[in-house]
């Protein structure tokens, strides 16, 4: 596998992971009681809010990188 393909795969996997974490932390803010019960008290509303805030910038960066890679590959393919 080439380094370009490896980089693309890493970006795709990071985007999936960050998306799942952003969604879970967002649910932890909006529906904190059920999510707190499901995680045995690990993910409370305060922690969900902190995680959600900390993940905002990395999520946007990886999303832009993912979109730019798709656009570049589509427009500059041989």
Protein backbone atom coordinates (compact mmCIF):
# COMPACT_ATOMS: atom_id res chain seq x y z
CA UNK A 1 0.00 0.00 0.00
CA UNK A 2 1.40 3.39 -0.95
CA UNK A 3 1.90 6.20 1.54
CA UNK A 4 -0.89 8.18 -0.15
CA UNK A 5 -3.35 5.34 0.34
CA UNK A 6 -2.19 4.88 3.94
CA UNK A 7 -2.68 8.59 4.66
CA UNK A 8 -6.17 8.53 3.12
CA UNK A 9 -7.09 5.46 5.17
CA UNK A 10 -5.87 7.13 8.38
CA UNK A 11 -7.93 10.25 7.62
CA UNK A 12 -11.03 8.15 6.92
CA UNK A 13 -10.64 6.16 10.14
CA UNK A 14 -10.02 9.32 12.16
CA UNK A 15 -13.13 10.92 10.70
CA UNK A 16 -15.24 7.89 11.62
CA UNK A 17 -13.87 7.82 15.19
CA UNK A 18 -14.29 11.56 15.70
CA UNK A 19 -17.82 11.46 14.29
CA UNK A 20 -18.82 8.69 16.69
CA UNK A 21 -17.26 10.52 19.65
CA UNK A 22 -18.90 13.84 18.73
CA UNK A 23 -22.28 12.13 18.39
CA UNK A 24 -21.93 10.26 21.68
CA UNK A 25 -20.79 13.34 23.56
CA UNK A 26 -23.63 15.35 22.02
CA UNK A 27 -26.10 12.71 23.14
CA UNK A 28 -24.45 12.84 26.55
CA UNK A 29 -25.29 16.53 26.72
CA UNK A 30 -28.86 16.29 25.45
CA UNK A 31 -29.87 12.93 26.97
CA UNK A 32 -27.44 12.67 29.86
CA UNK A 33 -29.50 10.46 32.18
CA UNK A 34 -29.91 7.46 29.83
CA UNK A 35 -26.33 7.75 28.58
CA UNK A 36 -25.00 8.04 32.11
CA UNK A 37 -26.90 4.86 33.03
CA UNK A 38 -25.62 3.04 29.93
CA UNK A 39 -22.00 3.95 30.73
CA UNK A 40 -22.37 3.14 34.44
CA UNK A 41 -21.83 6.77 35.43
CA UNK A 42 -18.66 7.23 33.40
CA UNK A 43 -20.08 9.73 30.92
CA UNK A 44 -21.98 12.39 32.80
CA UNK A 45 -23.22 15.70 31.42
CA UNK A 46 -20.13 17.69 32.45
CA UNK A 47 -17.67 15.24 30.92
CA UNK A 48 -19.77 14.98 27.75
CA UNK A 49 -19.73 18.76 27.39
CA UNK A 50 -15.94 18.91 27.85
CA UNK A 51 -15.35 16.11 25.33
CA UNK A 52 -17.73 17.74 22.86
CA UNK A 53 -15.92 21.07 23.14
CA UNK A 54 -12.44 19.56 22.87
CA UNK A 55 -13.34 17.50 19.80
CA UNK A 56 -14.82 20.38 17.81
CA UNK A 57 -11.58 21.69 16.26
CA UNK A 58 -10.03 18.28 15.46
CA UNK A 59 -13.33 17.15 13.93
CA UNK A 60 -13.55 20.20 11.68
CA UNK A 61 -9.89 19.88 10.63
CA UNK A 62 -10.24 16.20 9.72
CA UNK A 63 -13.55 16.87 7.95
CA UNK A 64 -11.96 19.62 5.83
CA UNK A 65 -8.96 17.40 5.11
CA UNK A 66 -11.25 14.55 4.08
CA UNK A 67 -13.29 16.83 1.83
CA UNK A 68 -10.19 18.39 0.28
CA UNK A 69 -8.69 14.98 -0.44
CA UNK A 70 -11.89 13.87 -2.14
CA UNK A 71 -12.09 17.06 -4.19
CA UNK A 72 -8.42 16.93 -5.22
CA UNK A 73 -8.60 13.28 -6.22
CA UNK A 74 -11.79 13.82 -8.21
CA UNK A 75 -10.55 16.92 -10.07
CA UNK A 76 -6.92 16.01 -10.69
CA UNK A 77 -7.15 12.33 -11.51
CA UNK A 78 -5.33 11.16 -14.64
